[in-house]
Amino acid sequence: MAIVWPCTMTPHEYAAVGRDIEVPRPNCPACSLAMSFWGFYARPLRVGVELRLLIRRARCKHCQVSCGIVPDFVVPGRLDGVEVIGAGIEEMAAGATTATAATRFDVPYTTVRSWRRRFAERAGILSAGFLAATVALCAIEAAERAMRRRLGATAGHWRIANYIVGGHLLSTNSNPPWISS
């Protein structure tokens, strides 16, 4: 399980910090009690180049739940960063083919196809979270403006959207927090 936090660093800055990363101490998503930090795990992130990130882990002593605390530019279950995936989705929404997007972002065709498929599969779920699937991108931009204005957020709109939905905007195998299991 992953808990997404709003990170003010770029992926390169985050990777450079290593084990000195300071993340907020989360509450357990299962029981809401404070969690304890519990080491790190390494994961790759492709943002033009492939970076190695150390992801802080937290564990709930009460219910034994363990979670990775991922920065908002990470999509759980995906190698590529949310801004790379989001830019590819935007290009395809504007009429680019899957092959064109794959070439532009220097990723395999099958990877971009899986982004497109996941986005299409999530259109109904996104409509619940961002008002309507047909205006999902506009809703994400509106949420970005609101977070910048109200909370002083500095990240791009894909990172902010990923944070709002707990990392499930484009993740592979899990449902967003507003969908009951």
Foldseek 3Di string as FASTA:
>chain_A
DAFEDADPDDPVVQLVCAPVDDDDFAADPVPRHTWAWDFWDWDWEDDVHIGIHTWIKTADPPPGDIYTYHYLQDAPADRYTQVLLVVLLVVVVVPDDLVVSCVVSVHDSVNNVLSNVLLVVCQVVLCVVQVHSVCSVVSLVVQVVVCCVPVVRDDDSSSSVCNVQRSVNRHDDDHTPVDDD
